[in-house]
Amino acid sequence: MSCLRVILCVLFPPLAVIDKGCGSVTITFLLTLCGWVPGAIAALVILNRNK
């Protein structure tokens, strides 16, 4: 995970996971609407997932 991705996770979580698919962006966006911390955590978890 690059340094730019980590910064995007902190500043705007849905933008950090834009290349992971529509579902990941939607989940991260909804969690960000509920609160910044859940959205940032979800983005970090999605980016650290191995596929």
C-alpha atoms as a PDB file:
ATOM      1  CA  MET A   1       0.000   0.000   0.000  1.00  0.00           C
ATOM      2  CA  SER A   2       1.459   3.325  -1.049  1.00  0.00           C
ATOM      3  CA  CYS A   3       1.780   6.428   1.072  1.00  0.00           C
ATOM      4  CA  LEU A   4      -0.672   8.246  -1.197  1.00  0.00           C
ATOM      5  CA  ARG A   5      -3.332   5.597  -0.529  1.00  0.00           C
ATOM      6  CA  VAL A   6      -2.923   5.975   3.225  1.00  0.00           C
ATOM      7  CA  ILE A   7      -3.294   9.747   2.940  1.00  0.00           C
ATOM      8  CA  LEU A   8      -6.433   9.281   0.811  1.00  0.00           C
ATOM      9  CA  CYS A   9      -7.818   6.849   3.410  1.00  0.00           C
ATOM     10  CA  VAL A  10      -7.452   9.535   6.034  1.00  0.00           C
ATOM     11  CA  LEU A  11      -8.742  12.479   3.980  1.00  0.00           C
ATOM     12  CA  PHE A  12     -11.455  10.931   1.792  1.00  0.00           C
ATOM     13  CA  PRO A  13     -11.886   7.169   2.262  1.00  0.00           C
ATOM     14  CA  PRO A  14     -14.165   6.411  -0.752  1.00  0.00           C
ATOM     15  CA  LEU A  15     -11.621   7.901  -3.144  1.00  0.00           C
ATOM     16  CA  ALA A  16      -8.908   5.584  -1.818  1.00  0.00           C
ATOM     17  CA  VAL A  17     -10.867   2.432  -2.754  1.00  0.00           C
ATOM     18  CA  ILE A  18     -12.190   3.636  -6.125  1.00  0.00           C
ATOM     19  CA  ASP A  19     -10.331   0.911  -8.048  1.00  0.00           C
ATOM     20  CA  LYS A  20     -11.581  -1.921  -5.808  1.00  0.00           C
ATOM     21  CA  GLY A  21     -15.080  -1.956  -7.300  1.00  0.00           C
ATOM     22  CA  CYS A  22     -18.470  -0.386  -6.837  1.00  0.00           C
ATOM     23  CA  GLY A  23     -19.342  -2.399  -3.730  1.00  0.00           C
ATOM     24  CA  SER A  24     -16.251  -1.313  -1.840  1.00  0.00           C
ATOM     25  CA  VAL A  25     -16.808   2.325  -2.752  1.00  0.00           C
ATOM     26  CA  THR A  26     -20.464   2.138  -1.691  1.00  0.00           C
ATOM     27  CA  ILE A  27     -19.698   0.492   1.650  1.00  0.00           C
ATOM     28  CA  THR A  28     -16.912   2.932   2.398  1.00  0.00           C
ATOM     29  CA  PHE A  29     -19.077   5.895   1.384  1.00  0.00           C
ATOM     30  CA  LEU A  30     -21.957   4.797   3.625  1.00  0.00           C
ATOM     31  CA  LEU A  31     -19.630   4.224   6.557  1.00  0.00           C
ATOM     32  CA  THR A  32     -18.055   7.630   5.966  1.00  0.00           C
ATOM     33  CA  LEU A  33     -21.522   9.189   6.117  1.00  0.00           C
ATOM     34  CA  CYS A  34     -22.058   7.508   9.488  1.00  0.00           C
ATOM     35  CA  GLY A  35     -18.783   8.899  10.739  1.00  0.00           C
ATOM     36  CA  TRP A  36     -15.329   9.611   9.471  1.00  0.00           C
ATOM     37  CA  VAL A  37     -13.585   6.965  11.600  1.00  0.00           C
ATOM     38  CA  PRO A  38     -15.626   3.943  10.391  1.00  0.00           C
ATOM     39  CA  GLY A  39     -15.083   5.006   6.783  1.00  0.00           C
ATOM     40  CA  ALA A  40     -11.340   5.410   7.244  1.00  0.00           C
ATOM     41  CA  ILE A  41     -11.049   2.046   8.988  1.00  0.00           C
ATOM     42  CA  ALA A  42     -13.073   0.321   6.268  1.00  0.00           C
ATOM     43  CA  ALA A  43     -10.905   1.855   3.562  1.00  0.00           C
ATOM     44  CA  LEU A  44      -7.727   0.692   5.291  1.00  0.00           C
ATOM     45  CA  VAL A  45      -9.137  -2.822   5.724  1.00  0.00           C
ATOM     46  CA  ILE A  46     -10.224  -3.018   2.072  1.00  0.00           C
ATOM     47  CA  LEU A  47      -6.830  -1.832   0.851  1.00  0.00           C
ATOM     48  CA  ASN A  48      -4.961  -4.321   3.067  1.00  0.00           C
ATOM     49  CA  ARG A  49      -7.056  -7.296   1.928  1.00  0.00           C
ATOM     50  CA  ASN A  50      -5.142  -9.882  -0.120  1.00  0.00           C
ATOM     51  CA  LYS A  51      -6.676 -11.173  -3.315  1.00  0.00           C
END
